[in-house]
Amino acid sequence: MALFSRLFKKNKVRAKGKWLYEQALAASRRVSLYKAGGVPDTVDGRFDLLVIHVWMLIRRLNALEAHPLGQEVFDAMFNDMDNALRELGISDTAVGKRIKDMAKVFYGRTELYNAAQERGDAEALAVTLERNIFSDMENKGPLGQAMAAHMQAIENAMSAQALENILENGPCYPAFA
C-alpha cells in the first residue's frame, strides 16, 4: 500500500511541476516581452526568455524548500524541448546532443543570473542580459537594464508568494513594464 501512495504522490508532484512549467512557458511568450522588451522573436530569443522564467520559478521553489517540485519543473521543460525537437524532425540520435547543449546554456545563463541576483547587482545582471539576449542590437544597454528591472519585479512578486499560493494560483509573473 505504501508503494501505491508514494507513486500517487510522485505523479501528483510531476503533474503539478508540468502545470507550473506551462505557466512559466506562457509568461515567457507574452507579446510585451518581444515588442516593448525588445527580445528578438526568434528561437534563441524565446529560449532565453523561457530559461529566465523557468529559472526564476525554480529559484523561488528552492527558497521555499520545494526542491522536488523545482526538479519536476526543470524536467518538464526539457521533456517539452525534447518533444519539440522530435516534432521538428530532428533525428533521435541528434536530439540527445541538442538537449545536452540546451542544458549547458540553461546552467551557464542561470549561474550568471543567480550570482547577480544574490549580490543584488542589477548592473551585472543587465550586462549579462545584454550579452546573452541583446548582443546583436544597437540599443542593448537600455534593453538589458529594462529586462533586469523586469526580472527584479518577478523576483519581488514571487517572493511575496507562499508555496500554497503558487500551487493554487501559479507563479506571479508581472507584466513587462
N, C-alpha and C. Protein backbone atom coordinates (compact mmCIF):
# COMPACT_ATOMS: atom_id res chain seq x y z
N MET A 1 0.82 -1.20 0.00
CA MET A 1 0.00 0.00 0.00
C MET A 1 0.86 1.26 0.00
N ALA A 2 1.97 1.23 0.74
CA ALA A 2 2.85 2.40 0.80
C ALA A 2 3.43 2.71 -0.58
N LEU A 3 3.72 1.67 -1.35
CA LEU A 3 4.25 1.87 -2.70
C LEU A 3 3.27 2.65 -3.56
N PHE A 4 1.99 2.29 -3.48
CA PHE A 4 0.98 2.99 -4.28
C PHE A 4 0.84 4.44 -3.85
N SER A 5 0.89 4.70 -2.55
CA SER A 5 0.75 6.09 -2.11
C SER A 5 1.96 6.92 -2.53
N ARG A 6 3.16 6.31 -2.52
CA ARG A 6 4.35 7.03 -2.98
C ARG A 6 4.27 7.31 -4.48
N LEU A 7 3.82 6.33 -5.25
CA LEU A 7 3.67 6.53 -6.69
C LEU A 7 2.63 7.60 -6.99
N PHE A 8 1.51 7.56 -6.26
CA PHE A 8 0.46 8.55 -6.47
C PHE A 8 0.97 9.94 -6.13
N LYS A 9 1.72 10.05 -5.01
CA LYS A 9 2.26 11.35 -4.62
C LYS A 9 3.25 11.84 -5.67
N LYS A 10 4.12 10.96 -6.16
CA LYS A 10 5.09 11.35 -7.18
C LYS A 10 4.38 11.81 -8.45
N ASN A 11 3.32 11.11 -8.84
CA ASN A 11 2.57 11.52 -10.03
C ASN A 11 1.91 12.87 -9.84
N LYS A 12 1.43 13.14 -8.64
CA LYS A 12 0.82 14.45 -8.37
C LYS A 12 1.86 15.56 -8.43
N VAL A 13 3.05 15.29 -7.88
CA VAL A 13 4.13 16.28 -7.93
C VAL A 13 4.56 16.50 -9.37
N ARG A 14 4.67 15.42 -10.14
CA ARG A 14 5.05 15.54 -11.55
C ARG A 14 4.01 16.36 -12.32
N ALA A 15 2.74 16.09 -12.08
CA ALA A 15 1.67 16.83 -12.77
C ALA A 15 1.69 18.30 -12.38
N LYS A 16 1.92 18.59 -11.11
CA LYS A 16 1.98 19.99 -10.67
C LYS A 16 3.22 20.67 -11.26
N GLY A 17 4.33 19.97 -11.33
CA GLY A 17 5.53 20.53 -11.95
C GLY A 17 5.30 20.86 -13.41
N LYS A 18 4.60 19.99 -14.12
CA LYS A 18 4.30 20.24 -15.53
C LYS A 18 3.39 21.46 -15.66
N TRP A 19 2.39 21.56 -14.80
CA TRP A 19 1.47 22.70 -14.83
C TRP A 19 2.23 24.00 -14.54
N LEU A 20 3.11 23.98 -13.56
CA LEU A 20 3.89 25.17 -13.25
C LEU A 20 4.81 25.54 -14.41
N TYR A 21 5.40 24.54 -15.05
CA TYR A 21 6.22 24.81 -16.23
C TYR A 21 5.38 25.49 -17.31
N GLU A 22 4.18 25.01 -17.52
CA GLU A 22 3.30 25.61 -18.53
C GLU A 22 2.98 27.06 -18.20
N GLN A 23 2.88 27.39 -16.92
CA GLN A 23 2.66 28.78 -16.51
C GLN A 23 3.88 29.63 -16.87
N ALA A 24 5.07 29.10 -16.61
CA ALA A 24 6.30 29.82 -16.95
C ALA A 24 6.42 29.98 -18.47
N LEU A 25 6.08 28.93 -19.20
CA LEU A 25 6.12 28.99 -20.66
C LEU A 25 5.19 30.08 -21.18
N ALA A 26 3.97 30.11 -20.67
CA ALA A 26 3.00 31.13 -21.11
C ALA A 26 3.52 32.53 -20.79
N ALA A 27 4.08 32.71 -19.62
CA ALA A 27 4.61 34.03 -19.24
C ALA A 27 5.76 34.44 -20.15
N SER A 28 6.57 33.47 -20.56
CA SER A 28 7.72 33.78 -21.42
C SER A 28 7.30 34.12 -22.85
N ARG A 29 6.07 33.85 -23.20
CA ARG A 29 5.57 34.11 -24.55
C ARG A 29 4.75 35.40 -24.64
N ARG A 30 4.68 36.16 -23.56
CA ARG A 30 3.92 37.41 -23.60
C ARG A 30 4.47 38.34 -24.67
N VAL A 31 3.58 38.87 -25.46
CA VAL A 31 3.96 39.73 -26.59
C VAL A 31 4.76 40.94 -26.12
N SER A 32 4.43 41.49 -24.96
CA SER A 32 5.11 42.70 -24.49
C SER A 32 6.62 42.49 -24.29
N LEU A 33 7.04 41.28 -24.01
CA LEU A 33 8.46 41.00 -23.84
C LEU A 33 9.22 41.15 -25.16
N TYR A 34 8.53 40.88 -26.24
CA TYR A 34 9.14 40.96 -27.56
C TYR A 34 8.98 42.36 -28.17
N LYS A 35 7.82 42.95 -27.96
CA LYS A 35 7.56 44.29 -28.52
C LYS A 35 8.27 45.35 -27.68
N ALA A 36 7.76 45.61 -26.48
CA ALA A 36 8.32 46.65 -25.61
C ALA A 36 9.68 46.23 -25.04
N GLY A 37 9.84 44.94 -24.75
CA GLY A 37 11.09 44.46 -24.15
C GLY A 37 12.22 44.31 -25.13
N GLY A 38 11.90 44.27 -26.42
CA GLY A 38 12.94 44.21 -27.44
C GLY A 38 13.61 42.86 -27.63
N VAL A 39 13.08 41.82 -27.00
CA VAL A 39 13.68 40.49 -27.16
C VAL A 39 13.39 40.02 -28.59
N PRO A 40 14.41 39.56 -29.31
CA PRO A 40 14.16 39.08 -30.67
C PRO A 40 13.19 37.90 -30.66
N ASP A 41 12.19 37.95 -31.52
CA ASP A 41 11.21 36.86 -31.61
C ASP A 41 11.79 35.77 -32.52
N THR A 42 12.79 35.10 -31.98
CA THR A 42 13.50 34.02 -32.68
C THR A 42 13.51 32.81 -31.76
N VAL A 43 13.98 31.70 -32.28
CA VAL A 43 14.10 30.50 -31.45
C VAL A 43 15.00 30.80 -30.25
N ASP A 44 16.12 31.47 -30.49
CA ASP A 44 17.04 31.78 -29.39
C ASP A 44 16.42 32.76 -28.40
N GLY A 45 15.75 33.79 -28.91
CA GLY A 45 15.11 34.76 -28.02
C GLY A 45 14.05 34.12 -27.16
N ARG A 46 13.26 33.26 -27.76
CA ARG A 46 12.22 32.56 -27.00
C ARG A 46 12.83 31.62 -25.95
N PHE A 47 13.89 30.93 -26.34
CA PHE A 47 14.55 30.04 -25.38
C PHE A 47 15.13 30.84 -24.22
N ASP A 48 15.76 31.97 -24.52
CA ASP A 48 16.33 32.80 -23.45
C ASP A 48 15.26 33.24 -22.47
N LEU A 49 14.11 33.67 -22.97
CA LEU A 49 13.04 34.08 -22.06
C LEU A 49 12.48 32.90 -21.27
N LEU A 50 12.39 31.75 -21.91
CA LEU A 50 11.92 30.57 -21.20
C LEU A 50 12.89 30.22 -20.08
N VAL A 51 14.18 30.27 -20.35
CA VAL A 51 15.19 30.00 -19.33
C VAL A 51 14.99 30.94 -18.14
N ILE A 52 14.82 32.22 -18.42
CA ILE A 52 14.64 33.20 -17.34
C ILE A 52 13.41 32.86 -16.50
N HIS A 53 12.28 32.62 -17.15
CA HIS A 53 11.04 32.39 -16.41
C HIS A 53 11.06 31.08 -15.63
N VAL A 54 11.60 30.04 -16.23
CA VAL A 54 11.69 28.75 -15.53
C VAL A 54 12.68 28.86 -14.38
N TRP A 55 13.83 29.46 -14.63
CA TRP A 55 14.83 29.59 -13.56
C TRP A 55 14.27 30.38 -12.39
N MET A 56 13.57 31.47 -12.65
CA MET A 56 13.05 32.28 -11.55
C MET A 56 12.02 31.49 -10.73
N LEU A 57 11.24 30.67 -11.40
CA LEU A 57 10.28 29.82 -10.69
C LEU A 57 11.02 28.78 -9.85
N ILE A 58 11.99 28.11 -10.43
CA ILE A 58 12.75 27.10 -9.69
C ILE A 58 13.48 27.75 -8.52
N ARG A 59 14.02 28.92 -8.73
CA ARG A 59 14.70 29.66 -7.65
C ARG A 59 13.75 29.88 -6.48
N ARG A 60 12.52 30.29 -6.78
CA ARG A 60 11.54 30.53 -5.71
C ARG A 60 11.15 29.22 -5.04
N LEU A 61 10.91 28.19 -5.82
CA LEU A 61 10.54 26.90 -5.23
C LEU A 61 11.66 26.38 -4.33
N ASN A 62 12.90 26.53 -4.74
CA ASN A 62 14.01 26.10 -3.90
C ASN A 62 14.09 26.91 -2.62
N ALA A 63 13.80 28.21 -2.70
CA ALA A 63 13.79 29.05 -1.49
C ALA A 63 12.70 28.60 -0.52
N LEU A 64 11.65 28.01 -1.06
CA LEU A 64 10.54 27.52 -0.24
C LEU A 64 10.74 26.05 0.15
N GLU A 65 11.95 25.54 -0.09
CA GLU A 65 12.29 24.14 0.24
C GLU A 65 11.44 23.14 -0.54
N ALA A 66 11.00 23.51 -1.72
CA ALA A 66 10.21 22.62 -2.58
C ALA A 66 11.09 22.11 -3.73
N HIS A 67 12.26 21.58 -3.38
CA HIS A 67 13.24 21.14 -4.37
C HIS A 67 12.69 20.08 -5.33
N PRO A 68 11.95 19.06 -4.84
CA PRO A 68 11.43 18.06 -5.79
C PRO A 68 10.50 18.69 -6.84
N LEU A 69 9.73 19.67 -6.43
CA LEU A 69 8.83 20.34 -7.37
C LEU A 69 9.64 21.15 -8.38
N GLY A 70 10.68 21.82 -7.91
CA GLY A 70 11.56 22.55 -8.82
C GLY A 70 12.20 21.62 -9.84
N GLN A 71 12.60 20.44 -9.40
CA GLN A 71 13.17 19.46 -10.32
C GLN A 71 12.15 19.01 -11.35
N GLU A 72 10.90 18.86 -10.93
CA GLU A 72 9.84 18.47 -11.87
C GLU A 72 9.60 19.57 -12.91
N VAL A 73 9.70 20.83 -12.50
CA VAL A 73 9.56 21.94 -13.45
C VAL A 73 10.68 21.87 -14.49
N PHE A 74 11.90 21.68 -14.01
CA PHE A 74 13.06 21.55 -14.90
C PHE A 74 12.87 20.37 -15.85
N ASP A 75 12.47 19.22 -15.31
CA ASP A 75 12.27 18.04 -16.14
C ASP A 75 11.17 18.27 -17.18
N ALA A 76 10.10 18.95 -16.78
CA ALA A 76 9.01 19.24 -17.73
C ALA A 76 9.51 20.12 -18.87
N MET A 77 10.36 21.08 -18.54
CA MET A 77 10.91 21.96 -19.58
C MET A 77 11.71 21.15 -20.59
N PHE A 78 12.60 20.30 -20.11
CA PHE A 78 13.45 19.57 -21.04
C PHE A 78 12.71 18.44 -21.74
N ASN A 79 11.68 17.90 -21.13
CA ASN A 79 10.81 16.96 -21.86
C ASN A 79 10.10 17.68 -23.00
N ASP A 80 9.65 18.90 -22.74
CA ASP A 80 9.00 19.71 -23.77
C ASP A 80 9.98 20.02 -24.90
N MET A 81 11.21 20.38 -24.55
CA MET A 81 12.22 20.67 -25.57
C MET A 81 12.51 19.42 -26.41
N ASP A 82 12.60 18.28 -25.75
CA ASP A 82 12.83 17.01 -26.43
C ASP A 82 11.71 16.76 -27.44
N ASN A 83 10.47 16.90 -26.99
CA ASN A 83 9.32 16.68 -27.88
C ASN A 83 9.31 17.66 -29.04
N ALA A 84 9.63 18.92 -28.77
CA ALA A 84 9.64 19.93 -29.83
C ALA A 84 10.69 19.60 -30.89
N LEU A 85 11.86 19.17 -30.46
CA LEU A 85 12.90 18.80 -31.43
C LEU A 85 12.47 17.62 -32.28
N ARG A 86 11.84 16.65 -31.66
CA ARG A 86 11.37 15.48 -32.41
C ARG A 86 10.29 15.87 -33.41
N GLU A 87 9.39 16.79 -33.00
CA GLU A 87 8.34 17.26 -33.91
C GLU A 87 8.93 18.02 -35.09
N LEU A 88 10.08 18.65 -34.89
CA LEU A 88 10.75 19.36 -35.98
C LEU A 88 11.47 18.41 -36.93
N GLY A 89 11.49 17.13 -36.57
CA GLY A 89 12.11 16.13 -37.43
C GLY A 89 13.58 15.89 -37.14
N ILE A 90 14.06 16.37 -36.00
CA ILE A 90 15.44 16.10 -35.61
C ILE A 90 15.56 14.61 -35.32
N SER A 91 16.62 13.99 -35.81
CA SER A 91 16.78 12.54 -35.64
C SER A 91 16.95 12.20 -34.16
N ASP A 92 16.56 10.99 -33.83
CA ASP A 92 16.67 10.52 -32.44
C ASP A 92 18.10 10.62 -31.93
N THR A 93 19.06 10.33 -32.79
CA THR A 93 20.46 10.37 -32.35
C THR A 93 20.94 11.80 -32.10
N ALA A 94 20.35 12.77 -32.79
CA ALA A 94 20.77 14.17 -32.62
C ALA A 94 20.03 14.87 -31.49
N VAL A 95 18.86 14.37 -31.12
CA VAL A 95 18.07 15.03 -30.07
C VAL A 95 18.84 15.09 -28.76
N GLY A 96 19.46 14.00 -28.37
CA GLY A 96 20.21 13.97 -27.11
C GLY A 96 21.30 15.02 -27.06
N LYS A 97 22.03 15.18 -28.16
CA LYS A 97 23.10 16.19 -28.22
C LYS A 97 22.51 17.59 -28.11
N ARG A 98 21.41 17.82 -28.80
CA ARG A 98 20.79 19.16 -28.75
C ARG A 98 20.28 19.47 -27.34
N ILE A 99 19.69 18.48 -26.69
CA ILE A 99 19.20 18.68 -25.32
C ILE A 99 20.37 18.96 -24.39
N LYS A 100 21.46 18.24 -24.58
CA LYS A 100 22.65 18.46 -23.76
C LYS A 100 23.16 19.89 -23.95
N ASP A 101 23.19 20.36 -25.20
CA ASP A 101 23.61 21.73 -25.48
C ASP A 101 22.67 22.74 -24.82
N MET A 102 21.37 22.48 -24.89
CA MET A 102 20.39 23.38 -24.25
C MET A 102 20.58 23.41 -22.74
N ALA A 103 20.85 22.26 -22.16
CA ALA A 103 21.07 22.20 -20.71
C ALA A 103 22.32 23.00 -20.33
N LYS A 104 23.36 22.93 -21.14
CA LYS A 104 24.57 23.72 -20.87
C LYS A 104 24.25 25.21 -20.91
N VAL A 105 23.46 25.62 -21.89
CA VAL A 105 23.05 27.03 -21.98
C VAL A 105 22.24 27.40 -20.74
N PHE A 106 21.29 26.55 -20.37
CA PHE A 106 20.45 26.81 -19.19
C PHE A 106 21.33 27.02 -17.96
N TYR A 107 22.21 26.07 -17.70
CA TYR A 107 23.05 26.16 -16.50
C TYR A 107 24.02 27.34 -16.56
N GLY A 108 24.59 27.58 -17.72
CA GLY A 108 25.51 28.71 -17.86
C GLY A 108 24.84 30.04 -17.61
N ARG A 109 23.68 30.25 -18.24
CA ARG A 109 22.96 31.50 -18.06
C ARG A 109 22.48 31.66 -16.62
N THR A 110 21.88 30.61 -16.08
CA THR A 110 21.29 30.74 -14.75
C THR A 110 22.35 30.89 -13.67
N GLU A 111 23.54 30.35 -13.89
CA GLU A 111 24.62 30.57 -12.93
C GLU A 111 24.96 32.05 -12.85
N LEU A 112 25.04 32.70 -14.00
CA LEU A 112 25.34 34.14 -14.03
C LEU A 112 24.18 34.96 -13.47
N TYR A 113 22.96 34.61 -13.84
CA TYR A 113 21.79 35.33 -13.32
C TYR A 113 21.72 35.19 -11.80
N ASN A 114 21.94 33.98 -11.32
CA ASN A 114 21.85 33.73 -9.89
C ASN A 114 22.91 34.51 -9.13
N ALA A 115 24.13 34.53 -9.64
CA ALA A 115 25.21 35.27 -8.97
C ALA A 115 24.87 36.75 -8.87
N ALA A 116 24.36 37.32 -9.96
CA ALA A 116 23.99 38.74 -9.94
C ALA A 116 22.82 39.00 -8.99
N GLN A 117 21.82 38.13 -9.01
CA GLN A 117 20.66 38.30 -8.12
C GLN A 117 21.07 38.17 -6.66
N GLU A 118 21.92 37.20 -6.35
CA GLU A 118 22.36 37.00 -4.97
C GLU A 118 23.12 38.22 -4.44
N ARG A 119 23.89 38.86 -5.30
CA ARG A 119 24.63 40.06 -4.90
C ARG A 119 23.77 41.31 -4.96
N GLY A 120 22.59 41.21 -5.54
CA GLY A 120 21.76 42.40 -5.73
C GLY A 120 22.39 43.36 -6.73
N ASP A 121 23.10 42.80 -7.69
CA ASP A 121 23.86 43.59 -8.66
C ASP A 121 23.08 43.71 -9.97
N ALA A 122 22.22 44.72 -10.03
CA ALA A 122 21.38 44.92 -11.22
C ALA A 122 22.23 45.23 -12.45
N GLU A 123 23.34 45.91 -12.26
CA GLU A 123 24.20 46.26 -13.41
C GLU A 123 24.83 45.00 -14.00
N ALA A 124 25.33 44.10 -13.16
CA ALA A 124 25.91 42.85 -13.66
C ALA A 124 24.85 42.01 -14.37
N LEU A 125 23.65 41.99 -13.83
CA LEU A 125 22.56 41.26 -14.47
C LEU A 125 22.25 41.88 -15.83
N ALA A 126 22.18 43.20 -15.90
CA ALA A 126 21.90 43.89 -17.17
C ALA A 126 22.97 43.59 -18.21
N VAL A 127 24.23 43.60 -17.79
CA VAL A 127 25.33 43.32 -18.72
C VAL A 127 25.24 41.88 -19.23
N THR A 128 24.91 40.96 -18.34
CA THR A 128 24.75 39.55 -18.74
C THR A 128 23.61 39.42 -19.75
N LEU A 129 22.51 40.09 -19.49
CA LEU A 129 21.37 40.05 -20.41
C LEU A 129 21.73 40.68 -21.75
N GLU A 130 22.46 41.78 -21.71
CA GLU A 130 22.91 42.42 -22.96
C GLU A 130 23.71 41.44 -23.81
N ARG A 131 24.61 40.73 -23.17
CA ARG A 131 25.48 39.78 -23.86
C ARG A 131 24.70 38.56 -24.37
N ASN A 132 23.76 38.06 -23.57
CA ASN A 132 23.07 36.82 -23.91
C ASN A 132 21.87 37.01 -24.83
N ILE A 133 21.11 38.07 -24.63
CA ILE A 133 19.86 38.24 -25.37
C ILE A 133 19.95 39.32 -26.43
N PHE A 134 20.61 40.42 -26.09
CA PHE A 134 20.57 41.60 -26.95
C PHE A 134 21.90 41.88 -27.66
N SER A 135 22.75 40.91 -27.80
CA SER A 135 24.11 41.13 -28.31
C SER A 135 24.16 41.76 -29.70
N ASP A 136 23.19 41.48 -30.54
CA ASP A 136 23.21 41.99 -31.92
C ASP A 136 22.46 43.31 -32.07
N MET A 137 22.03 43.90 -30.98
CA MET A 137 21.19 45.09 -31.07
C MET A 137 21.98 46.34 -30.70
N GLU A 138 21.65 47.43 -31.36
CA GLU A 138 22.35 48.70 -31.12
C GLU A 138 22.04 49.28 -29.74
N ASN A 139 20.80 49.18 -29.31
CA ASN A 139 20.39 49.77 -28.03
C ASN A 139 20.35 48.73 -26.92
N LYS A 140 21.35 47.84 -26.90
CA LYS A 140 21.32 46.74 -25.94
C LYS A 140 21.44 47.18 -24.49
N GLY A 141 22.10 48.31 -24.22
CA GLY A 141 22.24 48.79 -22.84
C GLY A 141 20.89 49.04 -22.17
N PRO A 142 20.05 49.90 -22.75
CA PRO A 142 18.74 50.14 -22.16
C PRO A 142 17.85 48.89 -22.14
N LEU A 143 17.97 48.04 -23.16
CA LEU A 143 17.17 46.82 -23.18
C LEU A 143 17.59 45.87 -22.06
N GLY A 144 18.89 45.72 -21.86
CA GLY A 144 19.38 44.87 -20.77
C GLY A 144 18.95 45.40 -19.41
N GLN A 145 19.00 46.71 -19.24
CA GLN A 145 18.57 47.31 -17.97
C GLN A 145 17.08 47.12 -17.74
N ALA A 146 16.28 47.27 -18.80
CA ALA A 146 14.84 47.08 -18.66
C ALA A 146 14.50 45.63 -18.32
N MET A 147 15.21 44.68 -18.95
CA MET A 147 14.94 43.27 -18.66
C MET A 147 15.41 42.93 -17.25
N ALA A 148 16.52 43.50 -16.80
CA ALA A 148 16.98 43.27 -15.42
C ALA A 148 15.95 43.81 -14.43
N ALA A 149 15.38 44.97 -14.72
CA ALA A 149 14.34 45.53 -13.84
C ALA A 149 13.11 44.63 -13.84
N HIS A 150 12.78 44.07 -15.00
CA HIS A 150 11.64 43.16 -15.08
C HIS A 150 11.90 41.89 -14.26
N MET A 151 13.11 41.38 -14.34
CA MET A 151 13.44 40.20 -13.55
C MET A 151 13.36 40.50 -12.06
N GLN A 152 13.74 41.70 -11.66
CA GLN A 152 13.62 42.08 -10.25
C GLN A 152 12.16 42.17 -9.85
N ALA A 153 11.31 42.66 -10.75
CA ALA A 153 9.87 42.72 -10.46
C ALA A 153 9.30 41.32 -10.28
N ILE A 154 9.75 40.38 -11.11
CA ILE A 154 9.30 38.99 -10.96
C ILE A 154 9.78 38.45 -9.61
N GLU A 155 11.04 38.68 -9.31
CA GLU A 155 11.61 38.22 -8.02
C GLU A 155 10.80 38.77 -6.85
N ASN A 156 10.48 40.05 -6.88
CA ASN A 156 9.71 40.67 -5.80
C ASN A 156 8.32 40.06 -5.70
N ALA A 157 7.67 39.87 -6.83
CA ALA A 157 6.31 39.32 -6.83
C ALA A 157 6.31 37.88 -6.32
N MET A 158 7.25 37.08 -6.78
CA MET A 158 7.30 35.68 -6.35
C MET A 158 7.71 35.57 -4.89
N SER A 159 8.55 36.47 -4.42
CA SER A 159 8.97 36.43 -3.02
C SER A 159 7.80 36.65 -2.08
N ALA A 160 6.77 37.30 -2.56
CA ALA A 160 5.59 37.55 -1.74
C ALA A 160 4.62 36.36 -1.77
N GLN A 161 4.91 35.36 -2.59
CA GLN A 161 4.01 34.21 -2.71
C GLN A 161 4.46 33.06 -1.82
N ALA A 162 3.52 32.56 -1.05
CA ALA A 162 3.76 31.34 -0.29
C ALA A 162 3.62 30.15 -1.25
N LEU A 163 4.16 29.01 -0.86
CA LEU A 163 4.09 27.82 -1.70
C LEU A 163 2.65 27.46 -2.04
N GLU A 164 1.77 27.53 -1.06
CA GLU A 164 0.37 27.18 -1.29
C GLU A 164 -0.24 28.07 -2.37
N ASN A 165 0.12 29.34 -2.35
CA ASN A 165 -0.40 30.28 -3.35
C ASN A 165 0.13 29.93 -4.74
N ILE A 166 1.39 29.60 -4.83
CA ILE A 166 1.96 29.21 -6.13
C ILE A 166 1.28 27.95 -6.64
N LEU A 167 1.05 26.99 -5.76
CA LEU A 167 0.44 25.73 -6.17
C LEU A 167 -1.01 25.90 -6.60
N GLU A 168 -1.72 26.82 -5.97
CA GLU A 168 -3.13 27.05 -6.32
C GLU A 168 -3.31 27.98 -7.50
N ASN A 169 -2.55 29.07 -7.52
CA ASN A 169 -2.78 30.13 -8.50
C ASN A 169 -1.70 30.24 -9.56
N GLY A 170 -0.61 29.55 -9.38
CA GLY A 170 0.51 29.68 -10.30
C GLY A 170 1.46 30.76 -9.85
N PRO A 171 2.65 30.78 -10.40
CA PRO A 171 3.63 31.79 -10.04
C PRO A 171 3.21 33.16 -10.58
N CYS A 172 3.59 34.19 -9.86
CA CYS A 172 3.25 35.55 -10.26
C CYS A 172 4.33 36.10 -11.19
N TYR A 173 3.97 36.31 -12.42
CA TYR A 173 4.85 36.93 -13.41
C TYR A 173 4.23 38.26 -13.80
N PRO A 174 4.69 39.36 -13.21
CA PRO A 174 4.13 40.67 -13.57
C PRO A 174 4.34 40.97 -15.05
N ALA A 175 3.47 41.80 -15.58
CA ALA A 175 3.60 42.22 -16.98
C ALA A 175 4.87 43.04 -17.14
N PHE A 176 5.45 42.97 -18.32
CA PHE A 176 6.63 43.77 -18.62
C PHE A 176 6.22 45.24 -18.64
N ALA A 177 6.98 46.06 -17.90
CA ALA A 177 6.61 47.48 -17.84
C ALA A 177 7.70 48.34 -18.44
